Amino acid sequence: MWARVHRWLAIVLVVPLVVWSITGLLFHLKPGWDRAYDQLGAERTGGALHPGAVTPLATIEASLGATTITRIELFDTVLGPLYRVTTASGAQLFDATTGRPRSPLSTEDARSLAVDAVARSRHRADYGDPLDAKAVDDTIRVRFAGGPTVDIGRSDARMSQRGPDTDRIDWLYRIHYVQWTGNHMLDRALGLVALILIWAVFVPGIVLFVRRMRGA
């Protein structure tokens, strides 16, 4: 009986074990991960801004009055030097040359930032040319011919990118973690069943091993 139970449970467990082993190997090797999760940024690095070319921090702080500032970042961009000021209510961009608040980025501003960021990327050939830019909530989404889309925050100029390779890797993660149906509760139940199967195969295997050792 133990041998029969062990054999049939092992056959059922073959499917999740094959899936886990293949996806686990891919996660270990990470083929194409660098390209899929390329870190794009509006910030141009490599050159320090001249102190005389930007508005002092004190001016920015004074313009916000009693607002609690949690972080101030100064960086150069294709649009010119900017301050990104983060407060309890969110982030806001300031023109670093004049010290004045900058209006939320337009589609043309976002397109320029995205094209500049891609031009500085090691994977620029995979992006192709920009096709269009459109507003999506508080972001501007720039779509490139190679498939990736780059989202730029209108109020903070932060970037994130996504493409077919990113979707494929996310799909592998869902497969690996037994998120097979899209239903949260059902996927949790499937994961629990898979773990129970492992122990259900393990226990009869130990029983059979002990019996064989005693018989020897």
N, C-alpha and C. Protein backbone atom coordinates (compact mmCIF):
# COMPACT_ATOMS: atom_id res chain seq x y z
N MET A 1 0.83 -1.21 0.00
CA MET A 1 0.00 0.00 0.00
C MET A 1 0.86 1.26 0.00
N TRP A 2 1.90 1.26 0.86
CA TRP A 2 2.78 2.42 0.93
C TRP A 2 3.44 2.69 -0.43
N ALA A 3 3.88 1.60 -1.08
CA ALA A 3 4.54 1.76 -2.38
C ALA A 3 3.58 2.31 -3.42
N ARG A 4 2.33 1.83 -3.41
CA ARG A 4 1.33 2.29 -4.37
C ARG A 4 1.00 3.77 -4.15
N VAL A 5 0.81 4.17 -2.89
CA VAL A 5 0.52 5.58 -2.56
C VAL A 5 1.69 6.46 -2.98
N HIS A 6 2.89 6.01 -2.67
CA HIS A 6 4.08 6.79 -3.00
C HIS A 6 4.20 6.97 -4.52
N ARG A 7 3.95 5.91 -5.27
CA ARG A 7 4.09 5.97 -6.72
C ARG A 7 3.09 6.94 -7.34
N TRP A 8 1.80 6.85 -6.97
CA TRP A 8 0.78 7.69 -7.58
C TRP A 8 0.91 9.16 -7.16
N LEU A 9 1.25 9.39 -5.92
CA LEU A 9 1.46 10.79 -5.50
C LEU A 9 2.66 11.40 -6.21
N ALA A 10 3.69 10.62 -6.42
CA ALA A 10 4.87 11.12 -7.13
C ALA A 10 4.53 11.48 -8.57
N ILE A 11 3.66 10.66 -9.20
CA ILE A 11 3.25 10.96 -10.57
C ILE A 11 2.50 12.29 -10.63
N VAL A 12 1.60 12.51 -9.66
CA VAL A 12 0.85 13.78 -9.62
C VAL A 12 1.79 14.95 -9.38
N LEU A 13 2.82 14.73 -8.57
CA LEU A 13 3.74 15.81 -8.20
C LEU A 13 4.72 16.15 -9.32
N VAL A 14 4.80 15.31 -10.34
CA VAL A 14 5.75 15.56 -11.43
C VAL A 14 5.52 16.94 -12.06
N VAL A 15 4.26 17.32 -12.29
CA VAL A 15 3.96 18.58 -12.98
C VAL A 15 4.51 19.80 -12.23
N PRO A 16 4.14 20.02 -10.95
CA PRO A 16 4.70 21.19 -10.26
C PRO A 16 6.22 21.12 -10.10
N LEU A 17 6.78 19.91 -9.94
CA LEU A 17 8.24 19.82 -9.80
C LEU A 17 8.96 20.22 -11.08
N VAL A 18 8.43 19.81 -12.21
CA VAL A 18 9.03 20.20 -13.50
C VAL A 18 8.93 21.71 -13.68
N VAL A 19 7.75 22.26 -13.37
CA VAL A 19 7.55 23.71 -13.50
C VAL A 19 8.50 24.46 -12.58
N TRP A 20 8.62 24.04 -11.32
CA TRP A 20 9.50 24.72 -10.36
C TRP A 20 10.96 24.62 -10.77
N SER A 21 11.36 23.47 -11.28
CA SER A 21 12.77 23.30 -11.64
C SER A 21 13.15 24.15 -12.85
N ILE A 22 12.27 24.20 -13.85
CA ILE A 22 12.58 24.99 -15.06
C ILE A 22 12.58 26.48 -14.75
N THR A 23 11.53 26.96 -14.08
CA THR A 23 11.48 28.38 -13.75
C THR A 23 12.57 28.77 -12.76
N GLY A 24 12.87 27.87 -11.81
CA GLY A 24 13.96 28.15 -10.86
C GLY A 24 15.29 28.28 -11.56
N LEU A 25 15.54 27.45 -12.58
CA LEU A 25 16.78 27.55 -13.34
C LEU A 25 16.85 28.87 -14.09
N LEU A 26 15.72 29.29 -14.67
CA LEU A 26 15.69 30.58 -15.37
C LEU A 26 15.94 31.73 -14.41
N PHE A 27 15.38 31.67 -13.20
CA PHE A 27 15.61 32.72 -12.22
C PHE A 27 17.07 32.76 -11.81
N HIS A 28 17.74 31.60 -11.81
CA HIS A 28 19.15 31.55 -11.45
C HIS A 28 20.03 32.13 -12.55
N LEU A 29 19.73 31.78 -13.80
CA LEU A 29 20.55 32.25 -14.93
C LEU A 29 20.21 33.68 -15.32
N LYS A 30 18.92 34.06 -15.15
CA LYS A 30 18.44 35.41 -15.47
C LYS A 30 18.77 35.84 -16.92
N PRO A 31 18.38 35.06 -17.90
CA PRO A 31 18.65 35.47 -19.29
C PRO A 31 17.79 36.66 -19.70
N GLY A 32 18.42 37.74 -20.10
CA GLY A 32 17.70 38.94 -20.53
C GLY A 32 17.14 39.79 -19.42
N TRP A 33 17.47 39.48 -18.15
CA TRP A 33 16.94 40.25 -17.03
C TRP A 33 17.40 41.71 -17.10
N ASP A 34 18.67 41.95 -17.43
CA ASP A 34 19.21 43.32 -17.45
C ASP A 34 18.43 44.18 -18.43
N ARG A 35 18.12 43.62 -19.59
CA ARG A 35 17.39 44.38 -20.58
C ARG A 35 15.95 44.63 -20.13
N ALA A 36 15.33 43.60 -19.56
CA ALA A 36 13.92 43.71 -19.17
C ALA A 36 13.72 44.73 -18.05
N TYR A 37 14.69 44.81 -17.12
CA TYR A 37 14.55 45.71 -15.98
C TYR A 37 15.60 46.81 -16.03
N ASP A 38 15.83 47.31 -17.23
CA ASP A 38 16.78 48.41 -17.43
C ASP A 38 16.34 49.62 -16.60
N GLN A 39 17.26 50.15 -15.80
CA GLN A 39 16.94 51.27 -14.93
C GLN A 39 17.12 52.59 -15.68
N LEU A 40 16.02 53.11 -16.17
CA LEU A 40 16.06 54.40 -16.87
C LEU A 40 15.84 55.52 -15.87
N GLY A 41 16.43 56.67 -16.16
CA GLY A 41 16.26 57.82 -15.28
C GLY A 41 16.40 59.11 -16.05
N ALA A 42 15.67 60.12 -15.62
CA ALA A 42 15.78 61.43 -16.25
C ALA A 42 17.11 62.09 -15.91
N GLU A 43 17.73 61.64 -14.78
CA GLU A 43 18.93 62.28 -14.28
C GLU A 43 20.13 62.01 -15.18
N ARG A 44 20.79 63.06 -15.59
CA ARG A 44 22.06 62.92 -16.32
C ARG A 44 23.19 62.92 -15.30
N THR A 45 24.04 61.92 -15.38
CA THR A 45 25.16 61.81 -14.43
C THR A 45 26.46 62.04 -15.17
N GLY A 46 27.52 62.27 -14.39
CA GLY A 46 28.84 62.43 -14.99
C GLY A 46 29.37 63.84 -14.96
N GLY A 47 28.49 64.80 -14.78
CA GLY A 47 28.93 66.18 -14.74
C GLY A 47 28.28 66.93 -13.59
N ALA A 48 29.08 67.62 -12.79
CA ALA A 48 28.53 68.37 -11.64
C ALA A 48 27.95 69.70 -12.10
N LEU A 49 26.83 70.09 -11.51
CA LEU A 49 26.23 71.38 -11.83
C LEU A 49 27.02 72.49 -11.16
N HIS A 50 27.24 73.57 -11.87
CA HIS A 50 27.97 74.70 -11.30
C HIS A 50 27.10 75.39 -10.25
N PRO A 51 27.63 75.61 -9.04
CA PRO A 51 26.80 76.21 -7.97
C PRO A 51 26.14 77.52 -8.36
N GLY A 52 26.81 78.31 -9.20
CA GLY A 52 26.25 79.60 -9.59
C GLY A 52 25.12 79.49 -10.59
N ALA A 53 24.91 78.31 -11.15
CA ALA A 53 23.90 78.15 -12.18
C ALA A 53 22.55 77.71 -11.64
N VAL A 54 22.50 77.43 -10.34
CA VAL A 54 21.24 76.94 -9.77
C VAL A 54 20.83 77.81 -8.59
N THR A 55 19.54 77.80 -8.32
CA THR A 55 18.99 78.54 -7.19
C THR A 55 19.36 77.83 -5.89
N PRO A 56 19.81 78.57 -4.89
CA PRO A 56 20.16 77.94 -3.60
C PRO A 56 18.98 77.21 -2.99
N LEU A 57 19.28 76.16 -2.22
CA LEU A 57 18.24 75.38 -1.57
C LEU A 57 17.37 76.24 -0.66
N ALA A 58 17.98 77.20 -0.01
CA ALA A 58 17.24 78.04 0.92
C ALA A 58 16.07 78.75 0.23
N THR A 59 16.26 79.11 -1.02
CA THR A 59 15.20 79.79 -1.76
C THR A 59 14.03 78.85 -1.99
N ILE A 60 14.33 77.61 -2.34
CA ILE A 60 13.28 76.61 -2.56
C ILE A 60 12.53 76.35 -1.26
N GLU A 61 13.27 76.18 -0.17
CA GLU A 61 12.65 75.91 1.13
C GLU A 61 11.77 77.07 1.57
N ALA A 62 12.24 78.29 1.33
CA ALA A 62 11.46 79.47 1.72
C ALA A 62 10.17 79.58 0.92
N SER A 63 10.21 79.18 -0.34
CA SER A 63 9.01 79.29 -1.19
C SER A 63 7.91 78.33 -0.75
N LEU A 64 8.30 77.25 -0.03
CA LEU A 64 7.32 76.27 0.43
C LEU A 64 6.78 76.59 1.82
N GLY A 65 7.35 77.59 2.47
CA GLY A 65 6.86 78.04 3.76
C GLY A 65 6.94 76.96 4.83
N ALA A 66 5.80 76.72 5.47
CA ALA A 66 5.76 75.79 6.59
C ALA A 66 5.60 74.33 6.15
N THR A 67 5.53 74.09 4.85
CA THR A 67 5.37 72.72 4.36
C THR A 67 6.56 71.87 4.78
N THR A 68 6.29 70.68 5.31
CA THR A 68 7.36 69.80 5.75
C THR A 68 8.02 69.13 4.55
N ILE A 69 9.30 69.40 4.37
CA ILE A 69 10.06 68.82 3.27
C ILE A 69 10.79 67.58 3.78
N THR A 70 10.59 66.47 3.08
CA THR A 70 11.27 65.23 3.49
C THR A 70 12.52 64.95 2.65
N ARG A 71 12.56 65.51 1.45
CA ARG A 71 13.72 65.26 0.60
C ARG A 71 13.78 66.29 -0.52
N ILE A 72 15.01 66.72 -0.86
CA ILE A 72 15.23 67.60 -2.00
C ILE A 72 16.35 67.00 -2.85
N GLU A 73 16.10 66.84 -4.15
CA GLU A 73 17.10 66.30 -5.06
C GLU A 73 17.36 67.30 -6.18
N LEU A 74 18.61 67.53 -6.47
CA LEU A 74 19.01 68.39 -7.58
C LEU A 74 19.66 67.53 -8.64
N PHE A 75 19.20 67.64 -9.88
CA PHE A 75 19.78 66.83 -10.95
C PHE A 75 19.63 67.54 -12.29
N ASP A 76 20.53 67.20 -13.19
CA ASP A 76 20.51 67.79 -14.52
C ASP A 76 19.70 66.89 -15.45
N THR A 77 18.98 67.48 -16.39
CA THR A 77 18.18 66.73 -17.35
C THR A 77 18.31 67.40 -18.72
N VAL A 78 17.72 66.75 -19.72
CA VAL A 78 17.71 67.32 -21.05
C VAL A 78 16.86 68.59 -21.08
N LEU A 79 15.98 68.78 -20.09
CA LEU A 79 15.16 69.98 -19.99
C LEU A 79 15.84 71.08 -19.20
N GLY A 80 17.02 70.78 -18.65
CA GLY A 80 17.72 71.71 -17.78
C GLY A 80 17.74 71.18 -16.36
N PRO A 81 18.46 71.88 -15.46
CA PRO A 81 18.55 71.41 -14.07
C PRO A 81 17.21 71.55 -13.35
N LEU A 82 16.87 70.53 -12.53
CA LEU A 82 15.61 70.51 -11.81
C LEU A 82 15.84 70.16 -10.35
N TYR A 83 14.97 70.68 -9.51
CA TYR A 83 14.85 70.22 -8.12
C TYR A 83 13.62 69.33 -8.04
N ARG A 84 13.77 68.19 -7.39
CA ARG A 84 12.62 67.36 -7.06
C ARG A 84 12.42 67.46 -5.56
N VAL A 85 11.32 68.09 -5.16
CA VAL A 85 11.07 68.33 -3.75
C VAL A 85 9.94 67.40 -3.30
N THR A 86 10.24 66.58 -2.31
CA THR A 86 9.26 65.63 -1.79
C THR A 86 8.75 66.12 -0.44
N THR A 87 7.45 66.23 -0.31
CA THR A 87 6.82 66.65 0.94
C THR A 87 5.80 65.58 1.35
N ALA A 88 5.13 65.82 2.44
CA ALA A 88 4.14 64.87 2.91
C ALA A 88 3.00 64.70 1.92
N SER A 89 2.75 65.70 1.10
CA SER A 89 1.64 65.64 0.15
C SER A 89 2.06 65.12 -1.22
N GLY A 90 3.35 64.83 -1.41
CA GLY A 90 3.80 64.31 -2.70
C GLY A 90 5.05 65.02 -3.18
N ALA A 91 5.35 64.84 -4.46
CA ALA A 91 6.56 65.42 -5.04
C ALA A 91 6.19 66.55 -6.01
N GLN A 92 7.14 67.49 -6.15
CA GLN A 92 6.93 68.62 -7.04
C GLN A 92 8.27 69.00 -7.66
N LEU A 93 8.23 69.39 -8.93
CA LEU A 93 9.44 69.81 -9.63
C LEU A 93 9.58 71.32 -9.61
N PHE A 94 10.83 71.77 -9.43
CA PHE A 94 11.15 73.19 -9.48
C PHE A 94 12.23 73.41 -10.53
N ASP A 95 12.11 74.50 -11.26
CA ASP A 95 13.18 74.90 -12.18
C ASP A 95 14.37 75.36 -11.35
N ALA A 96 15.49 74.66 -11.46
CA ALA A 96 16.64 74.95 -10.60
C ALA A 96 17.35 76.24 -10.98
N THR A 97 17.10 76.78 -12.16
CA THR A 97 17.74 78.02 -12.55
C THR A 97 16.98 79.24 -12.05
N THR A 98 15.65 79.12 -11.96
CA THR A 98 14.84 80.26 -11.53
C THR A 98 14.30 80.07 -10.11
N GLY A 99 14.23 78.83 -9.64
CA GLY A 99 13.67 78.55 -8.32
C GLY A 99 12.17 78.52 -8.30
N ARG A 100 11.54 78.60 -9.46
CA ARG A 100 10.07 78.62 -9.53
C ARG A 100 9.52 77.21 -9.71
N PRO A 101 8.32 76.96 -9.15
CA PRO A 101 7.69 75.66 -9.38
C PRO A 101 7.46 75.43 -10.86
N ARG A 102 7.67 74.23 -11.28
CA ARG A 102 7.48 73.89 -12.69
C ARG A 102 6.12 73.23 -12.86
N SER A 103 5.45 73.56 -13.94
CA SER A 103 4.15 72.94 -14.23
C SER A 103 4.35 71.45 -14.46
N PRO A 104 3.31 70.64 -14.21
CA PRO A 104 3.44 69.21 -14.52
C PRO A 104 3.95 69.01 -15.94
N LEU A 105 4.79 68.00 -16.11
CA LEU A 105 5.42 67.77 -17.40
C LEU A 105 4.39 67.57 -18.51
N SER A 106 4.66 68.17 -19.65
CA SER A 106 3.80 67.97 -20.82
C SER A 106 4.22 66.68 -21.54
N THR A 107 3.44 66.28 -22.52
CA THR A 107 3.80 65.09 -23.28
C THR A 107 5.12 65.28 -24.02
N GLU A 108 5.37 66.49 -24.50
CA GLU A 108 6.64 66.75 -25.19
C GLU A 108 7.81 66.71 -24.23
N ASP A 109 7.62 67.27 -23.02
CA ASP A 109 8.67 67.19 -22.00
C ASP A 109 8.99 65.73 -21.68
N ALA A 110 7.95 64.95 -21.44
CA ALA A 110 8.15 63.54 -21.09
C ALA A 110 8.79 62.78 -22.23
N ARG A 111 8.40 63.06 -23.43
CA ARG A 111 8.99 62.40 -24.60
C ARG A 111 10.48 62.72 -24.68
N SER A 112 10.84 63.98 -24.46
CA SER A 112 12.26 64.36 -24.50
C SER A 112 13.06 63.65 -23.42
N LEU A 113 12.48 63.56 -22.20
CA LEU A 113 13.17 62.86 -21.11
C LEU A 113 13.33 61.38 -21.41
N ALA A 114 12.28 60.76 -21.96
CA ALA A 114 12.34 59.34 -22.26
C ALA A 114 13.35 59.05 -23.36
N VAL A 115 13.36 59.83 -24.41
CA VAL A 115 14.31 59.62 -25.51
C VAL A 115 15.75 59.81 -25.02
N ASP A 116 15.96 60.81 -24.17
CA ASP A 116 17.30 61.06 -23.63
C ASP A 116 17.74 59.89 -22.74
N ALA A 117 16.82 59.39 -21.89
CA ALA A 117 17.16 58.27 -21.00
C ALA A 117 17.48 57.01 -21.80
N VAL A 118 16.70 56.74 -22.84
CA VAL A 118 16.95 55.56 -23.68
C VAL A 118 18.28 55.70 -24.41
N ALA A 119 18.61 56.91 -24.85
CA ALA A 119 19.88 57.13 -25.56
C ALA A 119 21.08 56.83 -24.67
N ARG A 120 20.89 56.96 -23.34
CA ARG A 120 21.99 56.68 -22.40
C ARG A 120 21.95 55.24 -21.88
N SER A 121 21.02 54.44 -22.37
CA SER A 121 20.89 53.05 -21.92
C SER A 121 21.78 52.13 -22.73
N ARG A 122 22.26 51.06 -22.09
CA ARG A 122 23.08 50.06 -22.78
C ARG A 122 22.23 49.25 -23.77
N HIS A 123 20.91 49.29 -23.60
CA HIS A 123 20.03 48.47 -24.43
C HIS A 123 19.23 49.32 -25.41
N ARG A 124 19.79 50.48 -25.79
CA ARG A 124 19.05 51.42 -26.60
C ARG A 124 18.58 50.82 -27.93
N ALA A 125 19.36 49.87 -28.48
CA ALA A 125 18.98 49.30 -29.78
C ALA A 125 17.69 48.52 -29.70
N ASP A 126 17.36 48.02 -28.52
CA ASP A 126 16.14 47.22 -28.36
C ASP A 126 14.88 48.08 -28.30
N TYR A 127 15.04 49.36 -28.02
CA TYR A 127 13.87 50.22 -27.86
C TYR A 127 13.32 50.71 -29.20
N GLY A 128 14.21 51.03 -30.13
CA GLY A 128 13.76 51.59 -31.39
C GLY A 128 13.39 53.06 -31.24
N ASP A 129 12.66 53.57 -32.18
CA ASP A 129 12.26 54.98 -32.17
C ASP A 129 10.98 55.18 -31.38
N PRO A 130 10.80 56.36 -30.79
CA PRO A 130 9.54 56.64 -30.08
C PRO A 130 8.39 56.77 -31.06
N LEU A 131 7.27 56.16 -30.72
CA LEU A 131 6.11 56.20 -31.60
C LEU A 131 5.11 57.28 -31.19
N ASP A 132 4.77 57.30 -29.88
CA ASP A 132 3.80 58.29 -29.41
C ASP A 132 3.96 58.47 -27.91
N ALA A 133 3.32 59.51 -27.40
CA ALA A 133 3.30 59.80 -25.96
C ALA A 133 1.90 60.25 -25.60
N LYS A 134 1.35 59.68 -24.51
CA LYS A 134 0.01 60.06 -24.11
C LYS A 134 -0.09 60.06 -22.59
N ALA A 135 -0.99 60.87 -22.08
CA ALA A 135 -1.19 60.98 -20.63
C ALA A 135 -2.02 59.81 -20.13
N VAL A 136 -1.56 59.20 -19.03
CA VAL A 136 -2.28 58.13 -18.35
C VAL A 136 -2.28 58.47 -16.86
N ASP A 137 -3.40 59.00 -16.38
CA ASP A 137 -3.50 59.47 -15.00
C ASP A 137 -2.43 60.55 -14.76
N ASP A 138 -1.54 60.34 -13.77
CA ASP A 138 -0.53 61.35 -13.45
C ASP A 138 0.81 61.02 -14.09
N THR A 139 0.79 60.22 -15.16
CA THR A 139 2.03 59.88 -15.86
C THR A 139 1.85 60.12 -17.35
N ILE A 140 2.99 60.21 -18.02
CA ILE A 140 3.01 60.24 -19.48
C ILE A 140 3.64 58.94 -19.95
N ARG A 141 2.95 58.23 -20.82
CA ARG A 141 3.45 56.95 -21.33
C ARG A 141 3.98 57.14 -22.73
N VAL A 142 5.28 56.85 -22.89
CA VAL A 142 5.94 56.96 -24.20
C VAL A 142 6.15 55.55 -24.73
N ARG A 143 5.63 55.30 -25.92
CA ARG A 143 5.71 53.97 -26.52
C ARG A 143 6.80 53.97 -27.60
N PHE A 144 7.65 52.94 -27.56
CA PHE A 144 8.75 52.81 -28.51
C PHE A 144 8.48 51.69 -29.50
N ALA A 145 9.10 51.80 -30.68
CA ALA A 145 8.85 50.85 -31.76
C ALA A 145 9.27 49.43 -31.40
N GLY A 146 10.29 49.29 -30.55
CA GLY A 146 10.77 47.97 -30.18
C GLY A 146 9.87 47.24 -29.21
N GLY A 147 8.82 47.88 -28.71
CA GLY A 147 7.89 47.24 -27.79
C GLY A 147 7.82 47.85 -26.40
N PRO A 148 8.96 48.33 -25.83
CA PRO A 148 8.88 48.87 -24.46
C PRO A 148 8.06 50.15 -24.40
N THR A 149 7.46 50.37 -23.24
CA THR A 149 6.82 51.64 -22.93
C THR A 149 7.49 52.22 -21.69
N VAL A 150 7.68 53.53 -21.70
CA VAL A 150 8.33 54.22 -20.59
C VAL A 150 7.33 55.17 -19.97
N ASP A 151 7.09 55.02 -18.66
CA ASP A 151 6.19 55.91 -17.93
C ASP A 151 7.00 56.96 -17.18
N ILE A 152 6.61 58.22 -17.31
CA ILE A 152 7.29 59.33 -16.64
C ILE A 152 6.27 60.06 -15.78
N GLY A 153 6.57 60.18 -14.49
CA GLY A 153 5.68 60.91 -13.61
C GLY A 153 5.65 62.39 -13.95
N ARG A 154 4.47 62.95 -14.10
CA ARG A 154 4.36 64.36 -14.50
C ARG A 154 4.82 65.31 -13.41
N SER A 155 4.70 64.89 -12.15
CA SER A 155 5.05 65.79 -11.04
C SER A 155 6.43 65.51 -10.44
N ASP A 156 7.05 64.36 -10.80
CA ASP A 156 8.35 64.05 -10.21
C ASP A 156 9.41 63.58 -11.20
N ALA A 157 9.03 63.36 -12.47
CA ALA A 157 9.95 62.93 -13.54
C ALA A 157 10.60 61.58 -13.26
N ARG A 158 9.98 60.78 -12.40
CA ARG A 158 10.50 59.43 -12.17
C ARG A 158 10.05 58.53 -13.32
N MET A 159 10.90 57.54 -13.63
CA MET A 159 10.65 56.70 -14.79
C MET A 159 10.55 55.23 -14.41
N SER A 160 9.75 54.54 -15.18
CA SER A 160 9.71 53.08 -15.13
C SER A 160 9.42 52.60 -16.54
N GLN A 161 9.92 51.41 -16.88
CA GLN A 161 9.70 50.91 -18.22
C GLN A 161 9.18 49.49 -18.19
N ARG A 162 8.46 49.12 -19.23
CA ARG A 162 7.89 47.79 -19.33
C ARG A 162 7.84 47.39 -20.79
N GLY A 163 8.03 46.09 -21.04
CA GLY A 163 8.00 45.60 -22.40
C GLY A 163 7.58 44.15 -22.45
N PRO A 164 7.57 43.54 -23.63
CA PRO A 164 7.19 42.13 -23.76
C PRO A 164 8.07 41.21 -22.91
N ASP A 165 9.37 41.52 -22.80
CA ASP A 165 10.25 40.67 -21.99
C ASP A 165 9.91 40.78 -20.50
N THR A 166 9.54 41.98 -20.05
CA THR A 166 9.12 42.15 -18.65
C THR A 166 7.85 41.36 -18.37
N ASP A 167 6.90 41.40 -19.31
CA ASP A 167 5.66 40.64 -19.14
C ASP A 167 5.94 39.14 -19.09
N ARG A 168 6.90 38.71 -19.92
CA ARG A 168 7.24 37.28 -19.95
C ARG A 168 7.86 36.83 -18.63
N ILE A 169 8.73 37.64 -18.06
CA ILE A 169 9.36 37.29 -16.78
C ILE A 169 8.33 37.29 -15.65
N ASP A 170 7.43 38.27 -15.67
CA ASP A 170 6.36 38.29 -14.66
C ASP A 170 5.48 37.05 -14.77
N TRP A 171 5.24 36.60 -16.01
CA TRP A 171 4.45 35.38 -16.22
C TRP A 171 5.17 34.17 -15.62
N LEU A 172 6.50 34.12 -15.78
CA LEU A 172 7.28 33.02 -15.20
C LEU A 172 7.19 33.03 -13.67
N TYR A 173 7.22 34.23 -13.09
CA TYR A 173 7.08 34.33 -11.63
C TYR A 173 5.72 33.79 -11.18
N ARG A 174 4.69 34.15 -11.91
CA ARG A 174 3.34 33.67 -11.53
C ARG A 174 3.26 32.15 -11.65
N ILE A 175 3.88 31.60 -12.70
CA ILE A 175 3.90 30.13 -12.86
C ILE A 175 4.67 29.48 -11.72
N HIS A 176 5.83 30.05 -11.37
CA HIS A 176 6.68 29.46 -10.34
C HIS A 176 5.99 29.44 -8.98
N TYR A 177 5.27 30.50 -8.67
CA TYR A 177 4.62 30.61 -7.37
C TYR A 177 3.16 30.13 -7.40
N VAL A 178 2.86 29.27 -8.37
CA VAL A 178 1.56 28.60 -8.50
C VAL A 178 0.41 29.60 -8.53
N GLN A 179 0.63 30.72 -9.22
CA GLN A 179 -0.44 31.68 -9.44
C GLN A 179 -1.01 31.41 -10.83
N TRP A 180 -1.68 30.26 -10.94
CA TRP A 180 -2.04 29.74 -12.25
C TRP A 180 -3.40 30.18 -12.74
N THR A 181 -4.28 30.58 -11.87
CA THR A 181 -5.66 30.87 -12.28
C THR A 181 -5.99 32.36 -12.31
N GLY A 182 -5.22 33.17 -11.59
CA GLY A 182 -5.55 34.59 -11.47
C GLY A 182 -6.49 34.88 -10.31
N ASN A 183 -7.06 33.83 -9.74
CA ASN A 183 -7.92 33.98 -8.56
C ASN A 183 -7.05 33.81 -7.32
N HIS A 184 -6.98 34.83 -6.48
CA HIS A 184 -6.06 34.82 -5.34
C HIS A 184 -6.31 33.64 -4.41
N MET A 185 -7.55 33.42 -4.03
CA MET A 185 -7.87 32.35 -3.10
C MET A 185 -7.60 30.97 -3.71
N LEU A 186 -7.97 30.80 -4.97
CA LEU A 186 -7.75 29.51 -5.62
C LEU A 186 -6.26 29.23 -5.80
N ASP A 187 -5.49 30.26 -6.14
CA ASP A 187 -4.04 30.09 -6.29
C ASP A 187 -3.38 29.73 -4.97
N ARG A 188 -3.84 30.33 -3.89
CA ARG A 188 -3.31 29.98 -2.57
C ARG A 188 -3.63 28.52 -2.24
N ALA A 189 -4.82 28.08 -2.61
CA ALA A 189 -5.21 26.69 -2.36
C ALA A 189 -4.35 25.73 -3.18
N LEU A 190 -4.06 26.09 -4.44
CA LEU A 190 -3.22 25.24 -5.29
C LEU A 190 -1.81 25.14 -4.72
N GLY A 191 -1.28 26.27 -4.24
CA GLY A 191 0.05 26.25 -3.63
C GLY A 191 0.09 25.36 -2.40
N LEU A 192 -0.95 25.44 -1.60
CA LEU A 192 -1.03 24.60 -0.40
C LEU A 192 -1.12 23.12 -0.77
N VAL A 193 -1.90 22.81 -1.81
CA VAL A 193 -2.02 21.42 -2.26
C VAL A 193 -0.67 20.89 -2.74
N ALA A 194 0.08 21.75 -3.48
CA ALA A 194 1.39 21.33 -3.97
C ALA A 194 2.34 21.03 -2.80
N LEU A 195 2.30 21.85 -1.76
CA LEU A 195 3.16 21.61 -0.60
C LEU A 195 2.74 20.34 0.14
N ILE A 196 1.43 20.12 0.24
CA ILE A 196 0.94 18.90 0.89
C ILE A 196 1.39 17.67 0.11
N LEU A 197 1.36 17.77 -1.22
CA LEU A 197 1.80 16.65 -2.05
C LEU A 197 3.27 16.30 -1.80
N ILE A 198 4.10 17.33 -1.62
CA ILE A 198 5.51 17.07 -1.35
C ILE A 198 5.67 16.24 -0.08
N TRP A 199 4.98 16.64 0.97
CA TRP A 199 5.06 15.90 2.23
C TRP A 199 4.39 14.53 2.11
N ALA A 200 3.33 14.46 1.31
CA ALA A 200 2.64 13.18 1.13
C ALA A 200 3.52 12.18 0.39
N VAL A 201 4.41 12.66 -0.48
CA VAL A 201 5.38 11.78 -1.15
C VAL A 201 6.55 11.48 -0.22
N PHE A 202 6.93 12.49 0.56
CA PHE A 202 8.09 12.34 1.44
C PHE A 202 7.85 11.28 2.53
N VAL A 203 6.69 11.32 3.18
CA VAL A 203 6.42 10.41 4.30
C VAL A 203 6.40 8.94 3.86
N PRO A 204 5.63 8.57 2.81
CA PRO A 204 5.70 7.17 2.37
C PRO A 204 7.10 6.75 1.93
N GLY A 205 7.83 7.70 1.33
CA GLY A 205 9.20 7.38 0.93
C GLY A 205 10.07 7.03 2.11
N ILE A 206 9.93 7.76 3.20
CA ILE A 206 10.69 7.46 4.41
C ILE A 206 10.28 6.10 4.98
N VAL A 207 8.96 5.82 4.98
CA VAL A 207 8.47 4.52 5.49
C VAL A 207 9.05 3.37 4.67
N LEU A 208 9.03 3.52 3.34
CA LEU A 208 9.57 2.47 2.47
C LEU A 208 11.07 2.29 2.68
N PHE A 209 11.77 3.40 2.85
CA PHE A 209 13.22 3.34 3.07
C PHE A 209 13.54 2.60 4.38
N VAL A 210 12.82 2.95 5.44
CA VAL A 210 13.06 2.30 6.73
C VAL A 210 12.76 0.81 6.66
N ARG A 211 11.66 0.45 5.97
CA ARG A 211 11.31 -0.96 5.85
C ARG A 211 12.37 -1.74 5.09
N ARG A 212 12.89 -1.13 4.03
CA ARG A 212 13.93 -1.81 3.24
C ARG A 212 15.22 -1.96 4.05
N MET A 213 15.53 -0.92 4.83
CA MET A 213 16.74 -1.01 5.67
C MET A 213 16.59 -2.12 6.69
N ARG A 214 15.41 -2.27 7.27
CA ARG A 214 15.19 -3.33 8.25
C ARG A 214 15.22 -4.70 7.59
N GLY A 215 14.66 -4.78 6.35
CA GLY A 215 14.66 -6.05 5.65
C GLY A 215 16.04 -6.49 5.22
N ALA A 216 16.92 -5.45 4.98
CA ALA A 216 18.29 -5.79 4.60
C ALA A 216 19.04 -6.38 5.79
